C-alpha atoms as a PDB file:
ATOM      1  CA  MET A   1      -0.011  -0.014   0.003  1.00  0.00           C
ATOM      2  CA  LYS A   2       1.336   3.328  -0.998  1.00  0.00           C
ATOM      3  CA  ARG A   3       1.770   5.728   1.947  1.00  0.00           C
ATOM      4  CA  VAL A   4       1.697   9.430   1.529  1.00  0.00           C
ATOM      5  CA  LEU A   5       4.018  11.162   3.962  1.00  0.00           C
ATOM      6  CA  ALA A   6       4.646  14.795   3.541  1.00  0.00           C
ATOM      7  CA  ALA A   7       4.993  18.206   5.097  1.00  0.00           C
ATOM      8  CA  ALA A   8       2.365  19.161   7.639  1.00  0.00           C
ATOM      9  CA  VAL A   9       0.827  22.549   7.444  1.00  0.00           C
ATOM     10  CA  LEU A  10      -0.125  24.388  10.602  1.00  0.00           C
ATOM     11  CA  ALA A  11      -2.302  27.457  10.825  1.00  0.00           C
ATOM     12  CA  LEU A  12      -0.583  30.516  12.263  1.00  0.00           C
ATOM     13  CA  ALA A  13      -2.936  33.415  12.786  1.00  0.00           C
ATOM     14  CA  ALA A  14      -6.491  34.684  12.997  1.00  0.00           C
ATOM     15  CA  CYS A  15      -8.870  35.443  10.186  1.00  0.00           C
ATOM     16  CA  SER A  16      -8.862  38.449   7.945  1.00  0.00           C
ATOM     17  CA  PRO A  17     -10.721  41.458   9.416  1.00  0.00           C
ATOM     18  CA  ALA A  18     -12.226  42.041   5.953  1.00  0.00           C
ATOM     19  CA  ALA A  19     -14.324  38.865   6.256  1.00  0.00           C
ATOM     20  CA  GLN A  20     -16.550  39.785   9.150  1.00  0.00           C
ATOM     21  CA  LYS A  21     -19.518  37.469   8.267  1.00  0.00           C
ATOM     22  CA  ALA A  22     -17.427  34.342   7.774  1.00  0.00           C
ATOM     23  CA  PRO A  23     -16.718  31.955  10.611  1.00  0.00           C
ATOM     24  CA  GLU A  24     -13.571  32.838  12.524  1.00  0.00           C
ATOM     25  CA  ALA A  25     -10.533  30.859  11.474  1.00  0.00           C
ATOM     26  CA  PRO A  26      -8.151  29.448  12.646  1.00  0.00           C
ATOM     27  CA  LEU A  27      -7.015  28.949  16.232  1.00  0.00           C
ATOM     28  CA  ALA A  28      -3.412  27.808  15.818  1.00  0.00           C
ATOM     29  CA  PRO A  29      -3.571  24.144  16.839  1.00  0.00           C
ATOM     30  CA  GLU A  30      -0.453  22.680  18.385  1.00  0.00           C
ATOM     31  CA  ALA A  31      -0.486  19.194  16.766  1.00  0.00           C
ATOM     32  CA  ALA A  32       1.278  18.275  13.540  1.00  0.00           C
ATOM     33  CA  ALA A  33       0.769  15.097  11.557  1.00  0.00           C
ATOM     34  CA  PRO A  34       2.973  12.238  12.833  1.00  0.00           C
ATOM     35  CA  GLY A  35       5.564  10.567  10.660  1.00  0.00           C
ATOM     36  CA  PRO A  36       9.017  11.321   9.274  1.00  0.00           C
ATOM     37  CA  PRO A  37       9.346  13.839   6.433  1.00  0.00           C
ATOM     38  CA  VAL A  38       9.775  12.472   2.916  1.00  0.00           C
ATOM     39  CA  GLU A  39      12.318  14.389   0.896  1.00  0.00           C
ATOM     40  CA  GLY A  40      10.871  15.806  -2.321  1.00  0.00           C
ATOM     41  CA  GLN A  41       7.242  15.157  -1.358  1.00  0.00           C
ATOM     42  CA  THR A  42       4.941  18.081  -2.129  1.00  0.00           C
ATOM     43  CA  THR A  43       1.704  16.824  -0.579  1.00  0.00           C
ATOM     44  CA  GLY A  44       0.680  17.916   2.913  1.00  0.00           C
ATOM     45  CA  ALA A  45      -2.230  18.197   5.296  1.00  0.00           C
ATOM     46  CA  GLY A  46      -3.511  21.491   6.691  1.00  0.00           C
ATOM     47  CA  PHE A  47      -4.800  21.596  10.286  1.00  0.00           C
ATOM     48  CA  LEU A  48      -6.810  24.378  11.921  1.00  0.00           C
ATOM     49  CA  ALA A  49      -9.932  25.074  13.937  1.00  0.00           C
ATOM     50  CA  VAL A  50     -12.821  27.095  12.546  1.00  0.00           C
ATOM     51  CA  ARG A  51     -15.043  28.826  15.139  1.00  0.00           C
ATOM     52  CA  ASN A  52     -18.390  30.183  14.046  1.00  0.00           C
ATOM     53  CA  GLY A  53     -19.945  32.979  16.074  1.00  0.00           C
ATOM     54  CA  GLY A  54     -22.770  33.431  13.578  1.00  0.00           C
ATOM     55  CA  GLU A  55     -25.379  31.338  11.783  1.00  0.00           C
ATOM     56  CA  ALA A  56     -24.649  27.851  10.448  1.00  0.00           C
ATOM     57  CA  ASP A  57     -22.404  27.828   7.376  1.00  0.00           C
ATOM     58  CA  ARG A  58     -20.451  25.382   5.214  1.00  0.00           C
ATOM     59  CA  LEU A  59     -16.806  25.349   4.159  1.00  0.00           C
ATOM     60  CA  VAL A  60     -17.086  24.481   0.468  1.00  0.00           C
ATOM     61  CA  ALA A  61     -13.537  24.947  -0.828  1.00  0.00           C
ATOM     62  CA  ALA A  62      -9.994  26.050  -0.095  1.00  0.00           C
ATOM     63  CA  PHE A  63      -7.340  27.358  -2.449  1.00  0.00           C
ATOM     64  CA  SER A  64      -3.921  28.987  -2.462  1.00  0.00           C
ATOM     65  CA  PRO A  65      -1.585  30.446  -5.074  1.00  0.00           C
ATOM     66  CA  ALA A  66       1.186  28.470  -3.292  1.00  0.00           C
ATOM     67  CA  THR A  67      -0.342  25.056  -4.083  1.00  0.00           C
ATOM     68  CA  SER A  68      -1.538  23.326  -7.226  1.00  0.00           C
ATOM     69  CA  SER A  69      -4.800  22.385  -5.488  1.00  0.00           C
ATOM     70  CA  ILE A  70      -6.417  21.903  -2.086  1.00  0.00           C
ATOM     71  CA  GLU A  71      -9.184  19.395  -1.281  1.00  0.00           C
ATOM     72  CA  LEU A  72     -11.322  18.962   1.835  1.00  0.00           C
ATOM     73  CA  HIS A  73     -10.639  15.495   3.242  1.00  0.00           C
ATOM     74  CA  THR A  74     -11.611  13.271   6.163  1.00  0.00           C
ATOM     75  CA  HIS A  75     -10.684   9.823   7.443  1.00  0.00           C
ATOM     76  CA  ARG A  76     -13.316   7.072   7.753  1.00  0.00           C
ATOM     77  CA  HIS A  77     -13.238   3.467   8.927  1.00  0.00           C
ATOM     78  CA  VAL A  78     -14.204   1.201   5.986  1.00  0.00           C
ATOM     79  CA  ASP A  79     -14.053  -2.575   6.361  1.00  0.00           C
ATOM     80  CA  GLY A  80     -11.784  -2.266   9.404  1.00  0.00           C
ATOM     81  CA  MET A  81      -9.360   0.037   7.574  1.00  0.00           C
ATOM     82  CA  MET A  82      -8.835   3.759   8.003  1.00  0.00           C
ATOM     83  CA  ARG A  83      -9.242   5.486   4.634  1.00  0.00           C
ATOM     84  CA  MET A  84      -8.849   9.085   3.541  1.00  0.00           C
ATOM     85  CA  GLU A  85     -11.797  10.468   1.545  1.00  0.00           C
ATOM     86  CA  LYS A  86     -12.492  13.714  -0.267  1.00  0.00           C
ATOM     87  CA  VAL A  87     -15.608  15.566   0.990  1.00  0.00           C
ATOM     88  CA  ASP A  88     -17.620  18.166  -0.859  1.00  0.00           C
ATOM     89  CA  ALA A  89     -18.217  20.474   2.096  1.00  0.00           C
ATOM     90  CA  VAL A  90     -17.840  20.699   5.874  1.00  0.00           C
ATOM     91  CA  ASP A  91     -20.775  21.963   7.974  1.00  0.00           C
ATOM     92  CA  ILE A  92     -19.804  24.644  10.494  1.00  0.00           C
ATOM     93  CA  PRO A  93     -22.559  24.776  13.148  1.00  0.00           C
ATOM     94  CA  ALA A  94     -23.981  28.077  14.439  1.00  0.00           C
ATOM     95  CA  GLY A  95     -22.091  29.088  17.563  1.00  0.00           C
ATOM     96  CA  GLY A  96     -19.841  26.050  17.223  1.00  0.00           C
ATOM     97  CA  ALA A  97     -16.442  24.972  15.990  1.00  0.00           C
ATOM     98  CA  VAL A  98     -14.937  22.331  13.712  1.00  0.00           C
ATOM     99  CA  VAL A  99     -11.391  21.114  14.186  1.00  0.00           C
ATOM    100  CA  PHE A 100      -9.269  19.916  11.280  1.00  0.00           C
ATOM    101  CA  GLU A 101      -6.726  17.532  12.830  1.00  0.00           C
ATOM    102  CA  PRO A 102      -4.616  14.438  12.139  1.00  0.00           C
ATOM    103  CA  GLY A 103      -6.835  11.394  11.727  1.00  0.00           C
ATOM    104  CA  GLY A 104      -9.918  13.500  10.959  1.00  0.00           C
ATOM    105  CA  LEU A 105     -10.881  16.398   8.794  1.00  0.00           C
ATOM    106  CA  HIS A 106      -7.985  18.160   7.064  1.00  0.00           C
ATOM    107  CA  LEU A 107      -7.070  20.284   4.063  1.00  0.00           C
ATOM    108  CA  MET A 108      -5.201  18.024   1.581  1.00  0.00           C
ATOM    109  CA  MET A 109      -2.678  20.273  -0.180  1.00  0.00           C
ATOM    110  CA  PHE A 110      -1.028  19.280  -3.464  1.00  0.00           C
ATOM    111  CA  GLY A 111       2.039  20.961  -4.979  1.00  0.00           C
ATOM    112  CA  LEU A 112       2.880  22.466  -1.608  1.00  0.00           C
ATOM    113  CA  ALA A 113       5.508  25.119  -1.012  1.00  0.00           C
ATOM    114  CA  PRO A 114       8.829  24.202   0.643  1.00  0.00           C
ATOM    115  CA  THR A 115       9.057  23.663   4.398  1.00  0.00           C
ATOM    116  CA  GLY A 116       9.460  26.935   6.267  1.00  0.00           C
ATOM    117  CA  ASP A 117       7.352  28.998   3.905  1.00  0.00           C
ATOM    118  CA  VAL A 118       4.260  30.808   5.117  1.00  0.00           C
ATOM    119  CA  ILE A 119       1.492  30.519   2.523  1.00  0.00           C
ATOM    120  CA  PRO A 120      -1.920  32.182   2.200  1.00  0.00           C
ATOM    121  CA  VAL A 121      -4.861  29.779   2.112  1.00  0.00           C
ATOM    122  CA  THR A 122      -8.324  31.060   1.272  1.00  0.00           C
ATOM    123  CA  LEU A 123     -11.247  29.245   2.880  1.00  0.00           C
ATOM    124  CA  LYS A 124     -14.477  29.616   0.877  1.00  0.00           C
ATOM    125  CA  PHE A 125     -17.684  29.538   2.922  1.00  0.00           C
ATOM    126  CA  GLU A 126     -21.138  29.073   1.396  1.00  0.00           C
ATOM    127  CA  LYS A 127     -22.685  32.063   3.208  1.00  0.00           C
ATOM    128  CA  GLY A 128     -19.741  33.876   4.795  1.00  0.00           C
ATOM    129  CA  GLY A 129     -17.603  34.288   1.684  1.00  0.00           C
ATOM    130  CA  ASP A 130     -13.818  34.007   1.632  1.00  0.00           C
ATOM    131  CA  VAL A 131     -11.412  34.129   4.561  1.00  0.00           C
ATOM    132  CA  THR A 132      -7.659  34.079   3.858  1.00  0.00           C
ATOM    133  CA  VAL A 133      -5.408  32.721   6.606  1.00  0.00           C
ATOM    134  CA  PRO A 134      -1.613  32.228   6.754  1.00  0.00           C
ATOM    135  CA  PHE A 135      -0.312  28.670   7.125  1.00  0.00           C
ATOM    136  CA  LYS A 136       3.265  27.734   7.966  1.00  0.00           C
ATOM    137  CA  VAL A 137       4.601  24.726   6.037  1.00  0.00           C
ATOM    138  CA  MET A 138       6.319  22.471   8.562  1.00  0.00           C
ATOM    139  CA  ALA A 139       8.118  19.150   8.344  1.00  0.00           C
ATOM    140  CA  ARG A 140       6.205  16.298   9.900  1.00  0.00           C
ATOM    141  CA  SER A 141       7.372  15.411  13.358  1.00  0.00           C
ATOM    142  CA  ALA A 142       8.741  11.941  13.986  1.00  0.00           C
ATOM    143  CA  GLY A 143       6.692   9.610  16.092  1.00  0.00           C
END
């Protein structure tokens, strides 16, 4: 089975003040994806928390000029195996939060910038519009 090991991407700062109606994002989580870095790999997972102080919304897409593409992904148990799956949207409940973390929801980034770079990632919400947040590209931690 082919394993994808790559750089982990960690959110750095709060949401853009220009996007007042969108859910707040992100909250600088402290966990990175486990596993050793793979030299030359350009695929990585983005982790963050999205807090919503308004009405229910949906995260429908993410994009960045520093990647070739970004997909919304989750992990699911299928026939006793953990599998990664693309999802069309992520519901963000009114007054709630959704955490993107290793082993769960995450932003799957393809054609990722080199480790150490800070890249802009725009989160597209169904009702709240676009929110651009900085992500730091980090090597995966061993373990």
